[in-house]
Amino acid sequence: MHKKSRILIVGHNDLIENSLTQHLKSQGFKNVFSSSRIPWDTLNQRKVRVFFARYKPDYVFLGSVRSGGIAANQKFAAEFIYENLECQNNVIHAACQFGVKKLLYFTGSCTYPKEASQPMKEEYLLTGPLEPTSEPYSIAKIAGTRLCQAYRRQYGFNAIVGCPATIYGPGADTDLDTSHVLGALIGKFYKAVGEDQKEVVVWGSGRPRREFLYADDFVRACLFLMDHYADDWMINVGCGYDISIKELAELIKKISGFTGKIIFDKSRPDGTFQKLLDIRRITHLGWKPKVGLKEGLKKTYQWYEKSQERESRQ
């Protein structure tokens, strides 16, 4: 990509879309289109075709238009499947038809089988049953992965697929109804400190392990893949290590200054026990993450504190 390239970023005003958009603009890219800022209905095939015909993007970063944690997957299962399928079908097809030079599609670690061996290699996709609590989202993302691969093989379309660990950082979703576990915990601990609560309730047993990737590292990986990767294989993007939910909660507790108890609600689902990505393929190409979890958590919590303070003054 060069500074005059026309770049389209598709998301739902989420951390991925916003981080990519802000970074590219800060680096002097002049023609960056963000689907949430246009605004643009990616579920409407005609409108998608009109956009591509008019603006002729050179590069496309294709994320999700609906995503979230266990609670959101259970509450909005139909929307998670329908909206993501509709968007990615429209965008991938139009990108191929209108001569996009390269498209990077984002899937997720939840698309791997629930009982996959750890760390999860790219070839484990579709080798076993999915985790039921994230299945609606996973089904849609697997379909998008296979669609990119089919267009590459049949039409020679330069579509690649990246599979990131859970992305976090300033701008993360902290809404308890829609966020992933890290964002939800930051929101819970901040509220507990502010209201002098005696305990914070965490869903599940605390035993499951998760891998987290800081947003800045993810953005660097996206740009790296656009420049250095052009294979049919899906490629994992992570930090190379994971942490239990219990350990994560204790870290956020310490950062927030909360002095009460952490209660694990075992009546709530745990989800997949472990989702650690094997990142040897991308590290062999020359990319590796820079921001450690403790550093990233501090930056994210400090951002959330400041954002809440700004809201309270308005």
Protein backbone atom coordinates (compact mmCIF):
# COMPACT_ATOMS: atom_id res chain seq x y z
CA MET A 1 0.00 0.00 0.00
CA HIS A 2 1.13 3.58 -0.59
CA LYS A 3 -0.12 6.88 0.82
CA LYS A 4 -2.48 7.55 -2.11
CA SER A 5 -4.02 4.05 -2.08
CA ARG A 6 -7.79 3.96 -1.63
CA ILE A 7 -8.38 1.87 1.50
CA LEU A 8 -11.70 0.54 2.80
CA ILE A 9 -12.11 -0.65 6.40
CA VAL A 10 -15.33 -2.51 7.22
CA GLY A 11 -16.48 -2.94 10.82
CA HIS A 12 -19.15 -1.78 13.27
CA ASN A 13 -17.48 1.20 14.94
CA ASP A 14 -15.48 -1.32 16.94
CA LEU A 15 -11.91 -1.45 18.19
CA ILE A 16 -10.58 -3.11 15.03
CA GLU A 17 -12.16 -0.66 12.60
CA ASN A 18 -11.31 2.41 14.66
CA SER A 19 -7.71 1.38 15.41
CA LEU A 20 -6.96 0.70 11.75
CA THR A 21 -8.63 3.90 10.61
CA GLN A 22 -6.84 6.10 13.13
CA HIS A 23 -3.46 4.52 12.46
CA LEU A 24 -3.64 4.81 8.68
CA LYS A 25 -4.77 8.43 8.81
CA SER A 26 -2.05 9.29 11.32
CA GLN A 27 0.53 7.78 8.94
CA GLY A 28 -0.56 10.05 6.10
CA PHE A 29 -2.84 7.77 4.09
CA LYS A 30 -5.11 10.19 2.24
CA ASN A 31 -7.99 8.02 1.06
CA VAL A 32 -9.25 5.92 3.98
CA PHE A 33 -12.94 4.95 4.00
CA SER A 34 -14.43 3.58 7.23
CA SER A 35 -17.81 1.87 6.89
CA SER A 36 -19.12 3.29 10.17
CA ARG A 37 -18.09 6.84 9.33
CA ILE A 38 -19.50 7.01 5.80
CA PRO A 39 -22.11 5.68 7.03
CA TRP A 40 -22.73 2.74 4.76
CA ASP A 41 -25.16 -0.20 4.80
CA THR A 42 -22.98 -3.19 3.98
CA LEU A 43 -26.02 -5.50 4.24
CA ASN A 44 -27.48 -3.92 1.13
CA GLN A 45 -25.97 -5.52 -1.98
CA ARG A 46 -26.94 -2.68 -4.31
CA LYS A 47 -25.39 -0.04 -2.03
CA VAL A 48 -22.21 -2.08 -1.73
CA ARG A 49 -21.91 -2.32 -5.51
CA VAL A 50 -22.56 1.41 -5.90
CA PHE A 51 -19.83 2.22 -3.37
CA PHE A 52 -17.24 0.01 -5.07
CA ALA A 53 -18.16 1.37 -8.51
CA ARG A 54 -17.83 4.96 -7.32
CA TYR A 55 -14.80 4.87 -4.99
CA LYS A 56 -12.90 1.88 -6.43
CA PRO A 57 -10.95 0.89 -3.29
CA ASP A 58 -7.53 -0.66 -3.87
CA TYR A 59 -7.31 -2.48 -0.52
CA VAL A 60 -9.98 -3.78 1.85
CA PHE A 61 -9.80 -4.74 5.53
CA LEU A 62 -12.96 -6.73 6.24
CA GLY A 63 -14.00 -7.19 9.86
CA SER A 64 -17.31 -8.03 11.49
CA VAL A 65 -20.51 -6.01 11.59
CA ARG A 66 -21.72 -7.91 14.68
CA SER A 67 -19.52 -9.42 17.39
CA GLY A 68 -19.32 -9.88 21.14
CA GLY A 69 -18.88 -12.28 24.02
CA ILE A 70 -20.93 -15.21 25.29
CA ALA A 71 -23.92 -13.11 26.39
CA ALA A 72 -24.19 -11.32 23.04
CA ASN A 73 -23.83 -14.58 21.07
CA GLN A 74 -26.67 -16.12 23.04
CA LYS A 75 -28.95 -13.09 22.86
CA PHE A 76 -28.38 -12.13 19.22
CA ALA A 77 -27.60 -15.46 17.56
CA ALA A 78 -29.72 -14.76 14.46
CA GLU A 79 -28.20 -11.32 13.90
CA PHE A 80 -24.68 -12.63 14.42
CA ILE A 81 -25.13 -15.15 11.64
CA TYR A 82 -27.29 -13.17 9.22
CA GLU A 83 -25.59 -9.76 9.37
CA ASN A 84 -22.02 -11.06 9.18
CA LEU A 85 -22.87 -13.42 6.32
CA GLU A 86 -24.71 -10.72 4.39
CA CYS A 87 -21.93 -8.17 4.81
CA GLN A 88 -19.00 -10.42 3.96
CA ASN A 89 -20.80 -11.97 0.97
CA ASN A 90 -21.53 -8.52 -0.46
CA VAL A 91 -18.09 -7.04 0.19
CA ILE A 92 -15.98 -10.00 -0.96
CA HIS A 93 -18.02 -10.42 -4.15
CA ALA A 94 -17.89 -6.70 -4.99
CA ALA A 95 -14.18 -6.49 -4.18
CA CYS A 96 -13.50 -9.25 -6.66
CA GLN A 97 -15.77 -7.79 -9.34
CA PHE A 98 -14.38 -4.25 -9.07
CA GLY A 99 -10.70 -5.12 -9.12
CA VAL A 100 -9.56 -4.69 -5.52
CA LYS A 101 -5.82 -5.41 -5.35
CA LYS A 102 -5.97 -7.20 -2.01
CA LEU A 103 -8.49 -7.99 0.72
CA LEU A 104 -7.66 -9.01 4.30
CA TYR A 105 -10.53 -10.79 6.04
CA PHE A 106 -10.61 -11.17 9.84
CA THR A 107 -11.98 -14.36 11.32
CA GLY A 108 -11.58 -15.36 15.01
CA SER A 109 -10.08 -18.01 17.28
CA CYS A 110 -13.60 -19.18 18.20
CA THR A 111 -13.82 -20.78 14.74
CA TYR A 112 -11.49 -23.56 15.85
CA PRO A 113 -12.99 -26.75 17.33
CA LYS A 114 -13.87 -26.66 21.01
CA GLU A 115 -11.53 -29.56 21.77
CA ALA A 116 -8.69 -28.54 19.45
CA SER A 117 -5.15 -29.38 20.53
CA GLN A 118 -3.21 -26.44 21.94
CA PRO A 119 -1.74 -24.27 20.58
CA MET A 120 -4.14 -24.28 17.64
CA LYS A 121 -2.60 -24.64 14.19
CA GLU A 122 -4.31 -23.22 11.10
CA GLU A 123 -4.97 -26.71 9.72
CA TYR A 124 -7.19 -27.54 12.73
CA LEU A 125 -10.07 -25.52 11.27
CA LEU A 126 -13.21 -27.66 10.72
CA THR A 127 -11.72 -30.76 12.33
CA GLY A 128 -14.28 -30.98 15.16
CA PRO A 129 -17.43 -29.52 16.78
CA LEU A 130 -17.52 -25.83 17.73
CA GLU A 131 -18.07 -24.34 21.18
CA PRO A 132 -21.89 -23.89 21.40
CA THR A 133 -21.79 -20.52 23.20
CA SER A 134 -19.94 -18.85 20.31
CA GLU A 135 -21.30 -20.94 17.45
CA PRO A 136 -23.48 -18.25 15.79
CA TYR A 137 -20.50 -15.96 15.22
CA SER A 138 -18.15 -18.83 14.41
CA ILE A 139 -20.41 -20.23 11.69
CA ALA A 140 -20.48 -16.88 9.90
CA LYS A 141 -16.72 -16.36 10.17
CA ILE A 142 -15.92 -19.85 8.90
CA ALA A 143 -18.16 -19.20 5.89
CA GLY A 144 -16.24 -15.97 5.19
CA THR A 145 -12.93 -17.79 5.42
CA ARG A 146 -14.04 -20.40 2.92
CA LEU A 147 -15.51 -17.72 0.65
CA CYS A 148 -12.16 -15.89 0.48
CA GLN A 149 -10.38 -19.14 -0.31
CA ALA A 150 -12.93 -20.05 -2.98
CA TYR A 151 -12.62 -16.66 -4.73
CA ARG A 152 -8.83 -16.95 -4.62
CA ARG A 153 -8.83 -20.41 -6.17
CA GLN A 154 -11.59 -19.84 -8.73
CA TYR A 155 -11.01 -16.24 -9.77
CA GLY A 156 -7.42 -15.54 -8.69
CA PHE A 157 -8.71 -12.86 -6.30
CA ASN A 158 -6.01 -11.81 -3.80
CA ALA A 159 -7.98 -12.43 -0.61
CA ILE A 160 -6.16 -13.48 2.57
CA VAL A 161 -7.53 -14.50 5.98
CA GLY A 162 -6.12 -13.49 9.36
CA CYS A 163 -7.21 -15.16 12.60
CA PRO A 164 -6.47 -12.84 15.55
CA ALA A 165 -6.62 -13.60 19.24
CA THR A 166 -9.05 -11.43 21.22
CA ILE A 167 -8.17 -7.79 20.49
CA TYR A 168 -8.13 -5.28 23.35
CA GLY A 169 -6.90 -1.77 24.01
CA PRO A 170 -8.14 1.84 24.28
CA GLY A 171 -11.54 2.01 22.61
CA ALA A 172 -12.51 -1.56 23.55
CA ASP A 173 -16.16 -2.43 24.15
CA THR A 174 -16.86 -2.46 27.90
CA ASP A 175 -20.64 -2.91 27.71
CA LEU A 176 -21.57 -5.93 29.84
CA ASP A 177 -24.22 -7.03 27.31
CA THR A 178 -21.95 -7.10 24.26
CA SER A 179 -18.27 -7.09 25.22
CA HIS A 180 -15.70 -9.86 25.50
CA VAL A 181 -14.42 -10.84 28.92
CA LEU A 182 -11.56 -8.34 29.20
CA GLY A 183 -13.69 -5.31 28.38
CA ALA A 184 -16.46 -6.50 30.68
CA LEU A 185 -14.03 -6.95 33.58
CA ILE A 186 -12.58 -3.47 33.15
CA GLY A 187 -16.09 -2.02 33.26
CA LYS A 188 -17.02 -4.08 36.30
CA PHE A 189 -13.93 -3.24 38.35
CA TYR A 190 -14.12 0.46 37.51
CA LYS A 191 -17.74 0.55 38.64
CA ALA A 192 -16.95 -1.44 41.79
CA VAL A 193 -14.23 1.03 42.80
CA GLY A 194 -16.42 4.05 42.09
CA GLU A 195 -19.38 2.67 44.04
CA ASP A 196 -17.28 1.16 46.84
CA GLN A 197 -18.68 -2.30 46.18
CA LYS A 198 -17.49 -5.25 48.25
CA GLU A 199 -17.32 -7.81 45.46
CA VAL A 200 -17.07 -8.24 41.71
CA VAL A 201 -18.89 -11.17 40.10
CA VAL A 202 -17.14 -12.89 37.19
CA TRP A 203 -18.93 -15.32 34.89
CA GLY A 204 -17.85 -18.96 35.05
CA SER A 205 -15.24 -20.80 37.10
CA GLY A 206 -12.27 -18.60 36.22
CA ARG A 207 -10.37 -21.63 34.91
CA PRO A 208 -10.66 -21.11 31.13
CA ARG A 209 -7.63 -19.54 29.46
CA ARG A 210 -7.63 -16.80 26.85
CA GLU A 211 -5.08 -15.12 24.60
CA PHE A 212 -5.19 -11.35 24.16
CA LEU A 213 -3.55 -9.15 21.53
CA TYR A 214 -3.08 -5.40 22.05
CA ALA A 215 -4.72 -3.26 19.36
CA ASP A 216 -1.49 -1.56 18.26
CA ASP A 217 0.15 -4.95 17.70
CA PHE A 218 -2.88 -6.08 15.74
CA VAL A 219 -2.72 -3.02 13.48
CA ARG A 220 0.96 -3.65 12.81
CA ALA A 221 0.13 -7.27 11.95
CA CYS A 222 -2.57 -6.17 9.50
CA LEU A 223 -0.21 -3.88 7.63
CA PHE A 224 2.50 -6.55 7.71
CA LEU A 225 0.16 -9.14 6.18
CA MET A 226 -0.95 -6.74 3.47
CA ASP A 227 2.68 -6.31 2.46
CA HIS A 228 4.14 -9.76 3.09
CA TYR A 229 1.45 -12.45 2.90
CA ALA A 230 -0.42 -13.80 -0.12
CA ASP A 231 -1.24 -17.43 0.67
CA ASP A 232 -4.41 -19.49 0.58
CA TRP A 233 -3.92 -20.59 4.19
CA MET A 234 -5.59 -18.73 7.02
CA ILE A 235 -2.85 -17.27 9.26
CA ASN A 236 -2.97 -16.88 13.06
CA VAL A 237 -2.12 -13.55 14.74
CA GLY A 238 -1.55 -13.62 18.48
CA CYS A 239 0.92 -12.99 21.29
CA GLY A 240 1.95 -16.61 21.82
CA TYR A 241 0.75 -17.05 25.43
CA ASP A 242 -2.53 -17.12 27.33
CA ILE A 243 -3.85 -16.41 30.82
CA SER A 244 -6.66 -17.82 32.94
CA ILE A 245 -9.75 -15.68 33.53
CA LYS A 246 -8.98 -15.84 37.25
CA GLU A 247 -5.47 -14.47 36.67
CA LEU A 248 -6.86 -11.81 34.33
CA ALA A 249 -9.39 -10.70 36.96
CA GLU A 250 -6.65 -10.48 39.59
CA LEU A 251 -4.50 -8.33 37.28
CA ILE A 252 -7.34 -5.91 36.58
CA LYS A 253 -8.23 -5.85 40.28
CA LYS A 254 -4.68 -4.74 41.08
CA ILE A 255 -4.59 -2.11 38.33
CA SER A 256 -7.98 -0.68 39.36
CA GLY A 257 -7.17 -0.54 43.07
CA PHE A 258 -10.22 -2.61 43.99
CA THR A 259 -9.90 -4.10 47.49
CA GLY A 260 -12.97 -6.33 47.65
CA LYS A 261 -13.53 -9.97 46.72
CA ILE A 262 -13.78 -11.62 43.32
CA ILE A 263 -16.71 -14.06 43.12
CA PHE A 264 -16.88 -16.62 40.32
CA ASP A 265 -20.44 -17.44 39.28
CA LYS A 266 -20.18 -21.08 38.24
CA SER A 267 -23.81 -21.12 37.10
CA ARG A 268 -22.69 -19.06 34.10
CA PRO A 269 -21.02 -20.73 31.09
CA ASP A 270 -17.25 -20.89 30.78
CA GLY A 271 -17.10 -21.24 27.01
CA THR A 272 -14.14 -23.02 25.41
CA PHE A 273 -11.52 -23.99 28.00
CA GLN A 274 -8.52 -22.78 25.98
CA LYS A 275 -7.97 -20.90 22.69
CA LEU A 276 -4.23 -20.42 22.28
CA LEU A 277 -3.08 -19.75 18.72
CA ASP A 278 0.01 -21.27 17.16
CA ILE A 279 1.67 -18.15 15.69
CA ARG A 280 4.79 -19.75 14.21
CA ARG A 281 3.67 -19.10 10.63
CA ILE A 282 3.49 -15.31 11.04
CA THR A 283 6.57 -15.06 13.29
CA HIS A 284 8.59 -17.01 10.71
CA LEU A 285 7.62 -14.30 8.21
CA GLY A 286 9.16 -11.68 10.51
CA TRP A 287 6.32 -10.25 12.62
CA LYS A 288 6.06 -10.44 16.40
CA PRO A 289 4.03 -8.55 19.05
CA LYS A 290 5.61 -5.78 21.14
CA VAL A 291 3.13 -4.92 23.91
CA GLY A 292 2.93 -7.24 26.93
CA LEU A 293 -0.38 -7.94 28.66
CA LYS A 294 0.34 -6.02 31.87
CA GLU A 295 1.42 -2.94 29.93
CA GLY A 296 -1.58 -3.21 27.61
CA LEU A 297 -4.02 -3.64 30.49
CA LYS A 298 -2.69 -0.54 32.26
CA LYS A 299 -3.05 1.55 29.11
CA THR A 300 -6.55 0.23 28.49
CA TYR A 301 -7.71 0.81 32.06
CA GLN A 302 -6.26 4.33 32.09
CA TRP A 303 -8.07 5.09 28.83
CA TYR A 304 -11.34 3.84 30.32
CA GLU A 305 -10.88 5.95 33.47
CA LYS A 306 -10.33 9.09 31.41
CA SER A 307 -13.29 8.34 29.13
CA GLN A 308 -15.59 7.94 32.13
CA GLU A 309 -14.30 11.15 33.68
CA ARG A 310 -15.02 13.02 30.45
CA GLU A 311 -18.54 11.61 30.33
CA SER A 312 -19.22 12.63 33.93
CA ARG A 313 -18.23 16.24 33.16
CA GLN A 314 -20.58 16.52 30.19
